[in-house]
Protein backbone atom coordinates (compact mmCIF):
# COMPACT_ATOMS: atom_id res chain seq x y z
CA UNK A 1 22.91 -16.98 -41.51
CA UNK A 2 22.53 -18.72 -38.13
CA UNK A 3 22.03 -22.48 -38.37
CA UNK A 4 20.10 -24.77 -36.06
CA UNK A 5 19.44 -28.47 -35.53
CA UNK A 6 15.97 -29.69 -34.64
CA UNK A 7 15.48 -33.26 -33.43
CA UNK A 8 12.12 -34.73 -32.56
CA UNK A 9 10.22 -37.93 -31.92
CA UNK A 10 6.50 -38.52 -31.60
CA UNK A 11 3.76 -41.05 -32.34
CA UNK A 12 3.77 -41.65 -36.10
CA UNK A 13 0.91 -40.10 -38.09
CA UNK A 14 0.39 -38.31 -41.41
CA UNK A 15 1.40 -34.65 -41.66
CA UNK A 16 4.39 -34.46 -39.31
CA UNK A 17 6.93 -33.51 -41.98
CA UNK A 18 4.51 -31.01 -43.51
CA UNK A 19 3.84 -29.40 -40.13
CA UNK A 20 7.54 -29.04 -39.31
CA UNK A 21 8.60 -27.78 -42.73
CA UNK A 22 5.62 -25.45 -42.89
CA UNK A 23 6.44 -23.92 -39.52
CA UNK A 24 10.01 -23.27 -40.65
CA UNK A 25 8.95 -21.90 -44.04
CA UNK A 26 6.56 -19.44 -42.40
CA UNK A 27 9.57 -17.94 -40.59
CA UNK A 28 11.77 -17.77 -43.66
CA UNK A 29 14.01 -20.66 -42.57
CA UNK A 30 15.77 -22.76 -45.21
CA UNK A 31 16.11 -26.52 -44.63
CA UNK A 32 19.67 -27.67 -45.38
CA UNK A 33 19.40 -31.32 -44.35
CA UNK A 34 16.46 -33.47 -43.32
CA UNK A 35 16.33 -37.09 -42.22
CA UNK A 36 13.39 -39.04 -40.85
CA UNK A 37 12.48 -42.57 -39.84
CA UNK A 38 9.22 -44.23 -38.89
CA UNK A 39 9.58 -47.31 -36.69
CA UNK A 40 6.79 -49.72 -37.59
CA UNK A 41 7.42 -51.83 -34.51
CA UNK A 42 7.11 -49.02 -31.94
CA UNK A 43 4.84 -46.73 -33.95
CA UNK A 44 7.13 -43.75 -33.36
CA UNK A 45 8.49 -41.21 -35.82
CA UNK A 46 11.97 -39.68 -35.60
CA UNK A 47 13.33 -36.63 -37.42
CA UNK A 48 16.46 -34.49 -37.59
CA UNK A 49 16.41 -31.19 -39.48
CA UNK A 50 19.32 -28.81 -39.94
CA UNK A 51 18.22 -25.41 -41.20
CA UNK A 52 19.38 -21.83 -41.69
CA UNK A 53 17.41 -19.02 -40.13
CA UNK A 54 17.32 -15.32 -40.90
CA UNK A 55 19.62 -12.79 -39.20
CA UNK A 56 16.76 -11.82 -36.89
CA UNK A 57 15.55 -15.38 -36.17
CA UNK A 58 14.68 -15.68 -32.48
CA UNK A 59 15.49 -19.19 -31.15
CA UNK A 60 13.15 -18.72 -28.22
CA UNK A 61 10.27 -17.84 -30.52
CA UNK A 62 11.05 -20.98 -32.53
CA UNK A 63 11.06 -23.09 -29.37
CA UNK A 64 7.71 -21.60 -28.42
CA UNK A 65 6.28 -22.42 -31.84
CA UNK A 66 7.49 -26.00 -31.64
CA UNK A 67 6.17 -26.16 -28.09
CA UNK A 68 2.71 -25.33 -29.42
CA UNK A 69 3.14 -27.93 -32.16
CA UNK A 70 4.19 -30.52 -29.59
CA UNK A 71 0.82 -30.21 -27.86
CA UNK A 72 -0.87 -31.14 -31.13
CA UNK A 73 1.50 -33.91 -32.26
CA UNK A 74 2.91 -35.15 -28.96
CA UNK A 75 6.44 -34.09 -29.88
CA UNK A 76 9.52 -34.61 -27.78
CA UNK A 77 11.95 -32.17 -29.37
CA UNK A 78 15.23 -30.31 -29.00
CA UNK A 79 16.44 -27.18 -30.82
CA UNK A 80 20.10 -26.14 -30.68
CA UNK A 81 22.37 -23.80 -32.60
CA UNK A 82 25.17 -25.40 -34.60
CA UNK A 83 27.66 -23.01 -32.99
CA UNK A 84 26.74 -24.25 -29.50
CA UNK A 85 29.70 -26.59 -28.98
CA UNK A 86 29.01 -29.47 -26.62
CA UNK A 87 31.02 -29.53 -23.41
CA UNK A 88 32.49 -32.97 -22.67
CA UNK A 89 33.83 -34.36 -19.38
CA UNK A 90 35.91 -37.53 -19.81
CA UNK A 91 36.35 -40.25 -17.19
CA UNK A 92 39.26 -42.69 -17.54
CA UNK A 93 41.31 -45.17 -15.49
CA UNK A 94 44.82 -46.24 -16.59
CA UNK A 95 44.35 -47.11 -20.27
CA UNK A 96 44.97 -43.93 -22.22
CA UNK A 97 44.28 -44.91 -25.83
CA UNK A 98 40.70 -43.62 -26.04
CA UNK A 99 41.51 -40.48 -24.05
CA UNK A 100 44.51 -39.73 -26.25
CA UNK A 101 42.41 -40.24 -29.39
CA UNK A 102 39.64 -37.89 -28.22
CA UNK A 103 42.13 -35.22 -27.14
CA UNK A 104 43.85 -35.36 -30.53
CA UNK A 105 40.59 -35.28 -32.46
CA UNK A 106 39.44 -32.21 -30.54
CA UNK A 107 42.72 -30.33 -31.04
CA UNK A 108 42.88 -31.19 -34.75
CA UNK A 109 39.27 -30.14 -35.36
CA UNK A 110 38.04 -33.63 -36.18
CA UNK A 111 35.67 -33.37 -33.21
CA UNK A 112 33.88 -30.03 -32.83
CA UNK A 113 33.63 -30.25 -29.03
CA UNK A 114 35.12 -28.70 -25.90
CA UNK A 115 36.75 -31.23 -23.57
CA UNK A 116 36.40 -29.32 -20.31
CA UNK A 117 37.99 -31.74 -17.81
CA UNK A 118 39.24 -35.29 -17.26
CA UNK A 119 38.40 -37.29 -14.13
CA UNK A 120 40.29 -40.45 -13.18
CA UNK A 121 40.53 -42.86 -10.29
CA UNK A 122 44.30 -43.04 -10.99
CA UNK A 123 46.94 -40.30 -11.43
CA UNK A 124 48.69 -41.93 -14.41
CA UNK A 125 47.20 -39.86 -17.25
CA UNK A 126 47.64 -36.43 -15.68
CA UNK A 127 50.72 -35.53 -17.83
CA UNK A 128 48.91 -36.45 -21.07
CA UNK A 129 45.81 -34.47 -20.13
CA UNK A 130 47.66 -31.40 -18.92
CA UNK A 131 49.82 -31.34 -22.08
CA UNK A 132 46.57 -30.34 -23.80
CA UNK A 133 45.89 -27.64 -21.21
CA UNK A 134 42.91 -29.48 -19.74
CA UNK A 135 42.11 -29.83 -16.03
CA UNK A 136 42.76 -33.26 -14.51
CA UNK A 137 40.98 -34.43 -11.35
CA UNK A 138 42.30 -37.50 -9.53
CA UNK A 139 39.42 -38.98 -7.54
CA UNK A 140 40.33 -42.41 -6.09
CA UNK A 141 37.43 -44.74 -5.41
CA UNK A 142 36.78 -47.83 -3.32
CA UNK A 143 33.60 -49.68 -2.49
CA UNK A 144 33.33 -47.68 0.71
CA UNK A 145 33.95 -44.29 -0.91
CA UNK A 146 32.00 -44.78 -4.17
CA UNK A 147 29.01 -42.65 -3.17
CA UNK A 148 31.18 -39.73 -2.07
CA UNK A 149 33.41 -40.00 -5.15
CA UNK A 150 30.42 -40.02 -7.50
CA UNK A 151 29.01 -36.99 -5.70
CA UNK A 152 32.30 -35.20 -6.45
CA UNK A 153 32.05 -36.20 -10.10
CA UNK A 154 28.51 -34.82 -10.32
CA UNK A 155 29.72 -31.59 -8.73
CA UNK A 156 32.38 -31.35 -11.45
CA UNK A 157 29.78 -32.03 -14.15
CA UNK A 158 27.78 -29.08 -12.83
CA UNK A 159 30.87 -26.88 -12.31
CA UNK A 160 32.11 -27.37 -15.87
CA UNK A 161 28.57 -27.28 -17.29
CA UNK A 162 29.28 -30.55 -19.07
CA UNK A 163 26.66 -31.63 -21.59
CA UNK A 164 27.91 -35.22 -21.80
CA UNK A 165 30.17 -37.56 -19.81
CA UNK A 166 32.35 -39.96 -21.80
CA UNK A 167 33.76 -43.10 -20.16
CA UNK A 168 36.98 -43.56 -22.12
CA UNK A 169 37.87 -46.94 -20.56
CA UNK A 170 36.81 -45.96 -17.05
CA UNK A 171 37.09 -49.30 -15.31
CA UNK A 172 34.55 -48.72 -12.57
CA UNK A 173 30.86 -49.59 -12.36
CA UNK A 174 28.68 -46.51 -11.93
CA UNK A 175 25.89 -46.68 -9.38
CA UNK A 176 22.22 -46.73 -10.36
CA UNK A 177 21.81 -43.35 -8.69
CA UNK A 178 24.59 -41.79 -10.80
CA UNK A 179 23.10 -43.19 -14.01
CA UNK A 180 19.64 -41.91 -13.08
CA UNK A 181 20.95 -38.37 -12.63
CA UNK A 182 22.43 -38.22 -16.16
CA UNK A 183 20.03 -40.16 -18.42
CA UNK A 184 21.15 -40.18 -22.05
CA UNK A 185 24.22 -38.14 -21.15
CA UNK A 186 26.83 -40.83 -20.39
CA UNK A 187 28.58 -42.76 -23.18
CA UNK A 188 30.69 -45.85 -22.54
CA UNK A 189 33.02 -47.96 -24.68
CA UNK A 190 33.85 -51.64 -24.13
CA UNK A 191 35.11 -54.64 -26.03
CA UNK A 192 32.29 -56.50 -27.74
CA UNK A 193 33.18 -59.82 -26.14
CA UNK A 194 30.70 -58.97 -23.41
CA UNK A 195 28.79 -60.86 -22.24
CA UNK A 196 30.60 -63.85 -23.81
CA UNK A 197 33.93 -63.17 -22.12
CA UNK A 198 33.31 -61.54 -18.77
CA UNK A 199 35.82 -60.79 -16.04
CA UNK A 200 39.57 -60.44 -16.28
CA UNK A 201 41.72 -60.90 -19.39
CA UNK A 202 38.88 -61.09 -21.98
CA UNK A 203 41.31 -61.07 -24.91
CA UNK A 204 43.15 -64.05 -23.46
CA UNK A 205 39.80 -65.82 -23.06
CA UNK A 206 38.94 -64.98 -26.66
CA UNK A 207 42.32 -66.24 -27.89
CA UNK A 208 41.90 -69.50 -26.03
CA UNK A 209 38.54 -70.03 -27.78
CA UNK A 210 39.95 -69.19 -31.23
CA UNK A 211 37.66 -66.25 -32.01
CA UNK A 212 37.60 -65.03 -35.61
CA UNK A 213 35.93 -61.65 -35.07
CA UNK A 214 36.58 -59.06 -32.38
CA UNK A 215 35.08 -55.64 -31.87
CA UNK A 216 34.08 -52.71 -29.71
CA UNK A 217 30.72 -51.25 -28.72
CA UNK A 218 29.84 -47.68 -27.74
CA UNK A 219 26.59 -47.31 -25.85
CA UNK A 220 24.66 -45.11 -23.46
CA UNK A 221 25.07 -46.01 -19.80
CA UNK A 222 22.06 -47.24 -17.86
CA UNK A 223 21.58 -49.06 -14.58
CA UNK A 224 21.77 -52.35 -16.54
CA UNK A 225 25.52 -52.99 -16.75
CA UNK A 226 26.80 -52.79 -20.36
CA UNK A 227 23.27 -53.18 -21.71
CA UNK A 228 22.37 -49.57 -22.52
CA UNK A 229 21.19 -48.47 -25.98
CA UNK A 230 23.91 -49.17 -28.55
CA UNK A 231 25.24 -46.22 -30.57
CA UNK A 232 28.04 -47.69 -32.67
CA UNK A 233 30.02 -50.91 -33.15
CA UNK A 234 33.27 -51.63 -34.97
CA UNK A 235 34.72 -55.04 -35.83
CA UNK A 236 37.84 -56.66 -37.32
CA UNK A 237 38.64 -60.20 -38.45
CA UNK A 238 41.43 -62.08 -36.71
CA UNK A 239 42.83 -65.59 -36.98
CA UNK A 240 44.96 -68.21 -35.26
CA UNK A 241 48.12 -66.21 -35.94
CA UNK A 242 47.07 -63.36 -33.63
CA UNK A 243 48.47 -63.54 -30.11
CA UNK A 244 46.48 -62.19 -27.15
CA UNK A 245 48.67 -59.08 -27.33
CA UNK A 246 47.81 -58.68 -31.03
CA UNK A 247 44.11 -58.95 -30.21
CA UNK A 248 44.48 -56.29 -27.53
CA UNK A 249 46.21 -53.93 -30.00
CA UNK A 250 43.49 -54.41 -32.61
CA UNK A 251 40.84 -54.02 -29.93
CA UNK A 252 42.28 -50.70 -28.74
CA UNK A 253 42.07 -49.29 -32.27
CA UNK A 254 38.47 -50.46 -32.62
CA UNK A 255 37.53 -48.91 -29.28
CA UNK A 256 38.97 -45.55 -30.37
CA UNK A 257 37.04 -45.60 -33.66
CA UNK A 258 33.69 -46.62 -32.18
CA UNK A 259 33.91 -44.16 -29.29
CA UNK A 260 34.96 -41.22 -31.49
CA UNK A 261 32.01 -41.82 -33.82
CA UNK A 262 29.60 -42.11 -30.90
CA UNK A 263 30.84 -38.86 -29.38
CA UNK A 264 30.64 -37.04 -32.72
CA UNK A 265 27.14 -38.26 -33.50
CA UNK A 266 25.92 -37.44 -29.99
CA UNK A 267 27.39 -33.94 -30.01
CA UNK A 268 26.02 -33.27 -33.50
CA UNK A 269 22.54 -34.27 -32.22
CA UNK A 270 22.30 -37.24 -34.59
CA UNK A 271 21.13 -39.81 -32.03
CA UNK A 272 17.57 -40.24 -30.78
CA UNK A 273 16.63 -42.79 -28.15
CA UNK A 274 14.05 -45.36 -29.22
CA UNK A 275 13.27 -47.36 -26.10
CA UNK A 276 16.23 -49.67 -25.52
CA UNK A 277 17.60 -48.88 -28.97
CA UNK A 278 18.77 -45.80 -30.88
CA UNK A 279 18.05 -44.08 -34.16
CA UNK A 280 21.30 -42.64 -35.57
CA UNK A 281 21.03 -40.15 -38.45
CA UNK A 282 24.59 -40.29 -39.84
């Protein structure tokens, strides 16, 4: 039987779950997994439902039915088939650990996605990318060429029909205009020392201050630098015996883990935006 994922958010009120489940039951659909959350602070309700339809289930008819329900309940919703694999475009600079991890997870089946292309402002990771049979685009960027380079990236996003852009240690600041064109569709990873240790050599700064906990944060990209809605964080304890190089090695592993989870949850439609925060149905 075909399976689908429905995600929705709306102002919280009685009867939302009954209305959704009733609509599906009327069409012979069987709910396989259902998660919901009501945020008392914002007054909004969030829901993710995975369900099996009938062989003759028409997704467009379902979307129309939920469209009619949205007028009544004020729904913001999305309906996708579980076989509709998300198309991912990765951007990277010179550090290849997150890129390598995502490429391996896709090939091994740990991530059910299609990595359609890699874009970089450096040529260094072309051999790694092409060993997986994936297109590599070297697009250098300077302050003077940033607008033109970002326009090329957006053209590639459209050309490859990418659903999401993943910044796998892409060490460039995206413009406000670029972020505005892809809201909720760009995921970034960075070390969690920000904003405590800004600028160059953050792990050396952390070592000099004797930190005891380091980590990594995956978040959606917005015009506010490194302050977009957080998706996932990973941490590890360290001590005085760790050198700056040790901290960097631990940090790279944490970045890979946090980013992989964020990409998986996003592409499985498990994340709903809640203002400046997120609701993640794991």
